[in-house]
Amino acid sequence: MRTREEITEEVSKLIEKNNDAYLGYKNAAENVSNTPLKSFLEQQSEKRNRYATELQSGLEILDPSAETNKSGSLKGDVHRAWMDLKAAFSSESEEKVLEECIRGEKASMEEYHAVLANAGELPSTVTETIKKQHDEIHETVNTVKRLEDLF
């Protein structure tokens, strides 16, 4: 059985992952010129910001004194810098940005899946939030794959 601290840390990591995704999508939107794609990426950025906020509310249920990293992780910073570099040197920046979005979303799904594998120890409201977000991320992966085919 996991401790409350371990559970809190897992939810905190999901919040950090969503903050990374928020910043990553925001960055991706800045690296594309296609207006509909830019709009989609901006919407995804806001969605991931909402996810972090929803998870933060769940974290407060688990541990009211828990603090989270709201600025993202070093790994996320490196990934965003890599996206900038690829976009700067690529004539196919939209396709490259979408490839990186897919890679990032798949990593998110794996982290969500790992938390859901032990969801029995989470409050039901937190579990429901995580399941809903996992499903939405899966839908986003499929949407991004379709967009990638267009480019």
N, C-alpha and C. Protein backbone atom coordinates (compact mmCIF):
# COMPACT_ATOMS: atom_id res chain seq x y z
N MET A 1 0.84 -1.18 0.00
CA MET A 1 0.00 0.00 0.00
C MET A 1 0.89 1.25 0.00
N ARG A 2 0.52 2.18 -0.84
CA ARG A 2 1.30 3.42 -0.94
C ARG A 2 0.93 4.38 0.18
N THR A 3 1.89 5.19 0.55
CA THR A 3 1.63 6.19 1.57
C THR A 3 0.94 7.40 0.94
N ARG A 4 0.36 8.21 1.79
CA ARG A 4 -0.28 9.44 1.32
C ARG A 4 0.76 10.32 0.60
N GLU A 5 1.98 10.32 1.09
CA GLU A 5 3.03 11.12 0.45
C GLU A 5 3.34 10.63 -0.96
N GLU A 6 3.36 9.31 -1.15
CA GLU A 6 3.61 8.74 -2.48
C GLU A 6 2.48 9.09 -3.45
N ILE A 7 1.27 8.99 -2.97
CA ILE A 7 0.11 9.32 -3.81
C ILE A 7 0.14 10.80 -4.17
N THR A 8 0.43 11.63 -3.17
CA THR A 8 0.52 13.08 -3.38
C THR A 8 1.60 13.40 -4.41
N GLU A 9 2.73 12.71 -4.32
CA GLU A 9 3.82 12.93 -5.27
C GLU A 9 3.41 12.55 -6.69
N GLU A 10 2.67 11.46 -6.85
CA GLU A 10 2.22 11.05 -8.19
C GLU A 10 1.29 12.10 -8.80
N VAL A 11 0.36 12.60 -8.02
CA VAL A 11 -0.56 13.63 -8.52
C VAL A 11 0.23 14.90 -8.81
N SER A 12 1.20 15.23 -7.96
CA SER A 12 2.04 16.42 -8.20
C SER A 12 2.80 16.30 -9.52
N LYS A 13 3.26 15.09 -9.83
CA LYS A 13 3.97 14.88 -11.10
C LYS A 13 3.04 15.07 -12.29
N LEU A 14 1.78 14.65 -12.14
CA LEU A 14 0.82 14.88 -13.22
C LEU A 14 0.58 16.38 -13.41
N ILE A 15 0.52 17.10 -12.31
CA ILE A 15 0.35 18.56 -12.40
C ILE A 15 1.55 19.16 -13.13
N GLU A 16 2.75 18.75 -12.75
CA GLU A 16 3.96 19.26 -13.41
C GLU A 16 3.96 18.91 -14.89
N LYS A 17 3.55 17.69 -15.22
CA LYS A 17 3.48 17.25 -16.62
C LYS A 17 2.50 18.13 -17.39
N ASN A 18 1.38 18.47 -16.77
CA ASN A 18 0.41 19.33 -17.44
C ASN A 18 0.92 20.75 -17.58
N ASN A 19 1.66 21.23 -16.60
CA ASN A 19 2.27 22.55 -16.74
C ASN A 19 3.28 22.54 -17.88
N ASP A 20 4.04 21.45 -18.01
CA ASP A 20 4.96 21.31 -19.15
C ASP A 20 4.20 21.32 -20.47
N ALA A 21 3.10 20.56 -20.51
CA ALA A 21 2.31 20.49 -21.75
C ALA A 21 1.69 21.85 -22.07
N TYR A 22 1.22 22.55 -21.05
CA TYR A 22 0.66 23.90 -21.25
C TYR A 22 1.70 24.79 -21.92
N LEU A 23 2.90 24.80 -21.35
CA LEU A 23 3.97 25.63 -21.92
C LEU A 23 4.43 25.11 -23.28
N GLY A 24 4.44 23.79 -23.44
CA GLY A 24 4.85 23.19 -24.72
C GLY A 24 3.89 23.53 -25.85
N TYR A 25 2.60 23.42 -25.60
CA TYR A 25 1.62 23.78 -26.62
C TYR A 25 1.65 25.27 -26.92
N LYS A 26 1.85 26.06 -25.89
CA LYS A 26 1.95 27.51 -26.09
C LYS A 26 3.15 27.82 -26.99
N ASN A 27 4.26 27.17 -26.71
CA ASN A 27 5.48 27.32 -27.51
C ASN A 27 5.26 26.82 -28.93
N ALA A 28 4.59 25.69 -29.06
CA ALA A 28 4.33 25.12 -30.39
C ALA A 28 3.49 26.08 -31.22
N ALA A 29 2.50 26.71 -30.59
CA ALA A 29 1.64 27.66 -31.31
C ALA A 29 2.46 28.83 -31.85
N GLU A 30 3.51 29.19 -31.14
CA GLU A 30 4.37 30.29 -31.59
C GLU A 30 5.27 29.88 -32.76
N ASN A 31 5.43 28.57 -32.98
CA ASN A 31 6.33 28.07 -34.01
C ASN A 31 5.63 27.66 -35.30
N VAL A 32 4.34 27.91 -35.40
CA VAL A 32 3.63 27.56 -36.63
C VAL A 32 2.98 28.81 -37.22
N SER A 33 2.82 28.79 -38.52
CA SER A 33 2.19 29.94 -39.18
C SER A 33 0.76 29.63 -39.63
N ASN A 34 0.42 28.37 -39.71
CA ASN A 34 -0.92 27.96 -40.13
C ASN A 34 -1.94 28.38 -39.06
N THR A 35 -2.87 29.25 -39.42
CA THR A 35 -3.80 29.83 -38.45
C THR A 35 -4.68 28.80 -37.75
N PRO A 36 -5.31 27.86 -38.46
CA PRO A 36 -6.12 26.86 -37.75
C PRO A 36 -5.28 25.99 -36.82
N LEU A 37 -4.07 25.63 -37.24
CA LEU A 37 -3.20 24.83 -36.40
C LEU A 37 -2.78 25.62 -35.16
N LYS A 38 -2.44 26.88 -35.35
CA LYS A 38 -2.07 27.75 -34.24
C LYS A 38 -3.22 27.80 -33.22
N SER A 39 -4.44 27.95 -33.70
CA SER A 39 -5.61 28.00 -32.84
C SER A 39 -5.78 26.68 -32.06
N PHE A 40 -5.62 25.56 -32.76
CA PHE A 40 -5.73 24.25 -32.12
C PHE A 40 -4.69 24.12 -31.00
N LEU A 41 -3.45 24.51 -31.29
CA LEU A 41 -2.38 24.39 -30.30
C LEU A 41 -2.65 25.30 -29.10
N GLU A 42 -3.16 26.48 -29.34
CA GLU A 42 -3.50 27.38 -28.24
C GLU A 42 -4.62 26.80 -27.38
N GLN A 43 -5.60 26.16 -28.02
CA GLN A 43 -6.70 25.52 -27.28
C GLN A 43 -6.16 24.37 -26.42
N GLN A 44 -5.23 23.61 -26.98
CA GLN A 44 -4.63 22.52 -26.21
C GLN A 44 -3.84 23.05 -25.02
N SER A 45 -3.17 24.16 -25.23
CA SER A 45 -2.42 24.78 -24.15
C SER A 45 -3.37 25.14 -22.99
N GLU A 46 -4.47 25.77 -23.31
CA GLU A 46 -5.43 26.15 -22.28
C GLU A 46 -6.05 24.92 -21.62
N LYS A 47 -6.28 23.87 -22.41
CA LYS A 47 -6.84 22.64 -21.85
C LYS A 47 -5.88 22.05 -20.81
N ARG A 48 -4.60 22.03 -21.13
CA ARG A 48 -3.63 21.46 -20.19
C ARG A 48 -3.48 22.33 -18.95
N ASN A 49 -3.66 23.64 -19.10
CA ASN A 49 -3.67 24.53 -17.94
C ASN A 49 -4.87 24.19 -17.05
N ARG A 50 -6.01 23.93 -17.67
CA ARG A 50 -7.21 23.53 -16.92
C ARG A 50 -6.97 22.20 -16.21
N TYR A 51 -6.32 21.25 -16.88
CA TYR A 51 -6.03 19.96 -16.26
C TYR A 51 -5.21 20.17 -14.98
N ALA A 52 -4.17 21.00 -15.08
CA ALA A 52 -3.32 21.24 -13.91
C ALA A 52 -4.14 21.83 -12.77
N THR A 53 -5.04 22.73 -13.09
CA THR A 53 -5.88 23.35 -12.06
C THR A 53 -6.81 22.32 -11.43
N GLU A 54 -7.41 21.46 -12.26
CA GLU A 54 -8.30 20.41 -11.74
C GLU A 54 -7.53 19.46 -10.82
N LEU A 55 -6.34 19.08 -11.24
CA LEU A 55 -5.53 18.17 -10.43
C LEU A 55 -5.07 18.85 -9.13
N GLN A 56 -4.81 20.14 -9.21
CA GLN A 56 -4.42 20.88 -8.02
C GLN A 56 -5.55 20.82 -6.99
N SER A 57 -6.78 20.95 -7.44
CA SER A 57 -7.93 20.84 -6.53
C SER A 57 -7.97 19.45 -5.89
N GLY A 58 -7.70 18.43 -6.68
CA GLY A 58 -7.65 17.06 -6.15
C GLY A 58 -6.52 16.87 -5.17
N LEU A 59 -5.39 17.49 -5.46
CA LEU A 59 -4.23 17.39 -4.57
C LEU A 59 -4.55 18.03 -3.22
N GLU A 60 -5.30 19.09 -3.23
CA GLU A 60 -5.68 19.76 -1.98
C GLU A 60 -6.57 18.86 -1.12
N ILE A 61 -7.31 17.97 -1.77
CA ILE A 61 -8.12 17.00 -1.02
C ILE A 61 -7.17 16.00 -0.34
N LEU A 62 -6.15 15.57 -1.06
CA LEU A 62 -5.19 14.59 -0.53
C LEU A 62 -4.31 15.18 0.56
N ASP A 63 -3.82 16.39 0.30
CA ASP A 63 -2.88 17.02 1.23
C ASP A 63 -2.98 18.53 1.08
N PRO A 64 -3.75 19.16 1.94
CA PRO A 64 -3.96 20.61 1.83
C PRO A 64 -2.68 21.44 1.88
N SER A 65 -1.62 20.88 2.45
CA SER A 65 -0.37 21.64 2.55
C SER A 65 0.61 21.37 1.40
N ALA A 66 0.23 20.50 0.48
CA ALA A 66 1.14 20.13 -0.63
C ALA A 66 1.36 21.32 -1.55
N GLU A 67 2.60 21.46 -1.98
CA GLU A 67 2.96 22.51 -2.94
C GLU A 67 3.43 21.85 -4.22
N THR A 68 3.11 22.48 -5.35
CA THR A 68 3.51 21.92 -6.64
C THR A 68 4.33 22.92 -7.42
N ASN A 69 5.07 22.40 -8.37
CA ASN A 69 5.86 23.21 -9.28
C ASN A 69 4.95 23.71 -10.39
N LYS A 70 4.69 24.99 -10.42
CA LYS A 70 3.77 25.55 -11.41
C LYS A 70 4.48 26.01 -12.69
N SER A 71 5.80 25.94 -12.70
CA SER A 71 6.53 26.45 -13.85
C SER A 71 6.98 25.36 -14.82
N GLY A 72 6.68 24.10 -14.52
CA GLY A 72 7.12 23.02 -15.38
C GLY A 72 8.45 22.47 -14.91
N SER A 73 8.94 21.47 -15.62
CA SER A 73 10.16 20.78 -15.21
C SER A 73 11.33 21.14 -16.11
N LEU A 74 12.52 20.79 -15.66
CA LEU A 74 13.72 20.97 -16.48
C LEU A 74 13.61 20.13 -17.75
N LYS A 75 13.09 18.92 -17.63
CA LYS A 75 12.90 18.06 -18.80
C LYS A 75 11.97 18.74 -19.82
N GLY A 76 10.92 19.37 -19.33
CA GLY A 76 10.00 20.10 -20.21
C GLY A 76 10.67 21.29 -20.86
N ASP A 77 11.52 21.98 -20.10
CA ASP A 77 12.27 23.12 -20.67
C ASP A 77 13.16 22.66 -21.82
N VAL A 78 13.83 21.54 -21.62
CA VAL A 78 14.72 20.99 -22.66
C VAL A 78 13.90 20.60 -23.89
N HIS A 79 12.75 19.97 -23.67
CA HIS A 79 11.89 19.56 -24.80
C HIS A 79 11.41 20.77 -25.59
N ARG A 80 11.00 21.83 -24.89
CA ARG A 80 10.55 23.04 -25.59
C ARG A 80 11.70 23.68 -26.37
N ALA A 81 12.88 23.68 -25.80
CA ALA A 81 14.04 24.24 -26.51
C ALA A 81 14.34 23.41 -27.76
N TRP A 82 14.21 22.10 -27.65
CA TRP A 82 14.42 21.21 -28.79
C TRP A 82 13.39 21.50 -29.89
N MET A 83 12.14 21.73 -29.50
CA MET A 83 11.11 22.06 -30.48
C MET A 83 11.44 23.37 -31.18
N ASP A 84 11.91 24.36 -30.44
CA ASP A 84 12.31 25.64 -31.03
C ASP A 84 13.41 25.44 -32.05
N LEU A 85 14.41 24.65 -31.67
CA LEU A 85 15.55 24.42 -32.56
C LEU A 85 15.12 23.69 -33.82
N LYS A 86 14.31 22.65 -33.68
CA LYS A 86 13.84 21.91 -34.85
C LYS A 86 13.03 22.81 -35.77
N ALA A 87 12.17 23.63 -35.19
CA ALA A 87 11.33 24.52 -35.99
C ALA A 87 12.18 25.55 -36.72
N ALA A 88 13.21 26.03 -36.07
CA ALA A 88 14.06 27.07 -36.67
C ALA A 88 14.79 26.55 -37.90
N PHE A 89 15.15 25.28 -37.91
CA PHE A 89 15.94 24.74 -39.01
C PHE A 89 15.14 23.88 -39.98
N SER A 90 13.84 23.85 -39.81
CA SER A 90 13.02 22.99 -40.65
C SER A 90 12.06 23.80 -41.50
N SER A 91 11.99 23.42 -42.77
CA SER A 91 11.00 24.05 -43.64
C SER A 91 9.63 23.41 -43.42
N GLU A 92 9.60 22.31 -42.70
CA GLU A 92 8.36 21.59 -42.41
C GLU A 92 8.03 21.73 -40.93
N SER A 93 8.06 22.96 -40.41
CA SER A 93 7.93 23.16 -38.97
C SER A 93 6.61 22.65 -38.42
N GLU A 94 5.51 22.79 -39.16
CA GLU A 94 4.22 22.31 -38.67
C GLU A 94 4.27 20.80 -38.41
N GLU A 95 4.81 20.06 -39.36
CA GLU A 95 4.90 18.61 -39.19
C GLU A 95 5.80 18.24 -38.01
N LYS A 96 6.92 18.92 -37.88
CA LYS A 96 7.86 18.63 -36.78
C LYS A 96 7.23 18.97 -35.43
N VAL A 97 6.52 20.08 -35.36
CA VAL A 97 5.84 20.47 -34.12
C VAL A 97 4.81 19.41 -33.75
N LEU A 98 4.04 18.95 -34.74
CA LEU A 98 3.03 17.94 -34.47
C LEU A 98 3.66 16.62 -34.02
N GLU A 99 4.78 16.25 -34.61
CA GLU A 99 5.49 15.04 -34.18
C GLU A 99 5.87 15.14 -32.71
N GLU A 100 6.37 16.30 -32.32
CA GLU A 100 6.77 16.49 -30.92
C GLU A 100 5.55 16.51 -30.00
N CYS A 101 4.45 17.05 -30.48
CA CYS A 101 3.20 17.03 -29.69
C CYS A 101 2.76 15.60 -29.45
N ILE A 102 2.81 14.77 -30.47
CA ILE A 102 2.42 13.37 -30.33
C ILE A 102 3.33 12.68 -29.32
N ARG A 103 4.62 12.92 -29.44
CA ARG A 103 5.58 12.30 -28.52
C ARG A 103 5.28 12.71 -27.08
N GLY A 104 5.04 14.00 -26.87
CA GLY A 104 4.74 14.48 -25.53
C GLY A 104 3.43 13.94 -24.99
N GLU A 105 2.41 13.87 -25.84
CA GLU A 105 1.11 13.35 -25.40
C GLU A 105 1.18 11.87 -25.06
N LYS A 106 1.94 11.11 -25.84
CA LYS A 106 2.09 9.69 -25.53
C LYS A 106 2.78 9.50 -24.18
N ALA A 107 3.77 10.33 -23.90
CA ALA A 107 4.44 10.27 -22.60
C ALA A 107 3.46 10.62 -21.48
N SER A 108 2.61 11.60 -21.71
CA SER A 108 1.59 11.97 -20.72
C SER A 108 0.64 10.80 -20.47
N MET A 109 0.21 10.15 -21.54
CA MET A 109 -0.71 9.02 -21.39
C MET A 109 -0.08 7.92 -20.54
N GLU A 110 1.22 7.67 -20.73
CA GLU A 110 1.90 6.64 -19.95
C GLU A 110 1.91 7.01 -18.47
N GLU A 111 2.15 8.28 -18.17
CA GLU A 111 2.18 8.71 -16.78
C GLU A 111 0.78 8.62 -16.17
N TYR A 112 -0.23 9.02 -16.91
CA TYR A 112 -1.60 8.89 -16.42
C TYR A 112 -1.95 7.43 -16.19
N HIS A 113 -1.56 6.59 -17.13
CA HIS A 113 -1.86 5.16 -17.02
C HIS A 113 -1.22 4.58 -15.75
N ALA A 114 0.02 4.98 -15.47
CA ALA A 114 0.71 4.49 -14.27
C ALA A 114 -0.03 4.90 -13.00
N VAL A 115 -0.53 6.11 -12.96
CA VAL A 115 -1.28 6.57 -11.78
C VAL A 115 -2.61 5.82 -11.69
N LEU A 116 -3.27 5.63 -12.83
CA LEU A 116 -4.55 4.92 -12.83
C LEU A 116 -4.41 3.45 -12.43
N ALA A 117 -3.24 2.87 -12.67
CA ALA A 117 -3.02 1.47 -12.31
C ALA A 117 -3.16 1.26 -10.80
N ASN A 118 -2.92 2.32 -10.03
CA ASN A 118 -3.04 2.25 -8.57
C ASN A 118 -4.11 3.21 -8.06
N ALA A 119 -5.12 3.43 -8.86
CA ALA A 119 -6.13 4.44 -8.54
C ALA A 119 -6.99 4.07 -7.35
N GLY A 120 -7.00 2.81 -6.94
CA GLY A 120 -7.83 2.39 -5.83
C GLY A 120 -7.55 3.13 -4.54
N GLU A 121 -6.35 3.68 -4.43
CA GLU A 121 -5.97 4.39 -3.21
C GLU A 121 -6.26 5.88 -3.29
N LEU A 122 -6.79 6.33 -4.43
CA LEU A 122 -7.11 7.75 -4.60
C LEU A 122 -8.58 8.01 -4.25
N PRO A 123 -8.89 9.21 -3.80
CA PRO A 123 -10.31 9.55 -3.64
C PRO A 123 -11.01 9.43 -5.00
N SER A 124 -12.26 9.02 -5.00
CA SER A 124 -12.98 8.76 -6.25
C SER A 124 -13.05 10.00 -7.14
N THR A 125 -13.18 11.18 -6.55
CA THR A 125 -13.24 12.39 -7.37
C THR A 125 -11.94 12.63 -8.12
N VAL A 126 -10.82 12.32 -7.47
CA VAL A 126 -9.52 12.48 -8.11
C VAL A 126 -9.35 11.45 -9.21
N THR A 127 -9.75 10.22 -8.93
CA THR A 127 -9.67 9.15 -9.94
C THR A 127 -10.50 9.51 -11.16
N GLU A 128 -11.71 10.01 -10.95
CA GLU A 128 -12.57 10.40 -12.07
C GLU A 128 -11.93 11.50 -12.91
N THR A 129 -11.33 12.47 -12.25
CA THR A 129 -10.64 13.56 -12.96
C THR A 129 -9.49 13.01 -13.80
N ILE A 130 -8.70 12.14 -13.22
CA ILE A 130 -7.55 11.58 -13.93
C ILE A 130 -8.01 10.73 -15.11
N LYS A 131 -9.05 9.92 -14.93
CA LYS A 131 -9.57 9.10 -16.04
C LYS A 131 -10.08 9.99 -17.18
N LYS A 132 -10.83 11.03 -16.82
CA LYS A 132 -11.39 11.92 -17.84
C LYS A 132 -10.25 12.59 -18.62
N GLN A 133 -9.25 13.07 -17.91
CA GLN A 133 -8.13 13.73 -18.58
C GLN A 133 -7.35 12.74 -19.44
N HIS A 134 -7.14 11.53 -18.96
CA HIS A 134 -6.45 10.50 -19.74
C HIS A 134 -7.18 10.25 -21.06
N ASP A 135 -8.50 10.11 -20.97
CA ASP A 135 -9.29 9.87 -22.17
C ASP A 135 -9.20 11.05 -23.15
N GLU A 136 -9.24 12.26 -22.63
CA GLU A 136 -9.13 13.44 -23.48
C GLU A 136 -7.74 13.53 -24.13
N ILE A 137 -6.71 13.16 -23.40
CA ILE A 137 -5.36 13.18 -23.97
C ILE A 137 -5.27 12.15 -25.09
N HIS A 138 -5.89 10.99 -24.89
CA HIS A 138 -5.92 9.97 -25.94
C HIS A 138 -6.60 10.51 -27.19
N GLU A 139 -7.72 11.22 -27.02
CA GLU A 139 -8.41 11.84 -28.16
C GLU A 139 -7.50 12.87 -28.84
N THR A 140 -6.76 13.62 -28.05
CA THR A 140 -5.85 14.62 -28.61
C THR A 140 -4.77 13.96 -29.45
N VAL A 141 -4.24 12.85 -29.00
CA VAL A 141 -3.23 12.13 -29.78
C VAL A 141 -3.80 11.77 -31.15
N ASN A 142 -5.01 11.25 -31.16
CA ASN A 142 -5.64 10.88 -32.44
C ASN A 142 -5.86 12.10 -33.32
N THR A 143 -6.28 13.19 -32.74
CA THR A 143 -6.48 14.43 -33.51
C THR A 143 -5.17 14.93 -34.09
N VAL A 144 -4.12 14.93 -33.27
CA VAL A 144 -2.82 15.41 -33.74
C VAL A 144 -2.29 14.51 -34.85
N LYS A 145 -2.52 13.21 -34.74
CA LYS A 145 -2.09 12.29 -35.81
C LYS A 145 -2.81 12.63 -37.12
N ARG A 146 -4.10 12.92 -37.03
CA ARG A 146 -4.85 13.30 -38.24
C ARG A 146 -4.30 14.61 -38.82
N LEU A 147 -4.01 15.57 -37.95
CA LEU A 147 -3.44 16.84 -38.42
C LEU A 147 -2.08 16.63 -39.07
N GLU A 148 -1.29 15.73 -38.47
CA GLU A 148 0.03 15.45 -39.02
C GLU A 148 -0.08 14.90 -40.45
N ASP A 149 -1.10 14.07 -40.69
CA ASP A 149 -1.30 13.52 -42.04
C ASP A 149 -1.60 14.62 -43.04
N LEU A 150 -2.21 15.71 -42.58
CA LEU A 150 -2.53 16.83 -43.48
C LEU A 150 -1.27 17.61 -43.89
N PHE A 151 -0.26 17.56 -43.06
CA PHE A 151 0.96 18.31 -43.35
C PHE A 151 2.00 17.38 -43.93
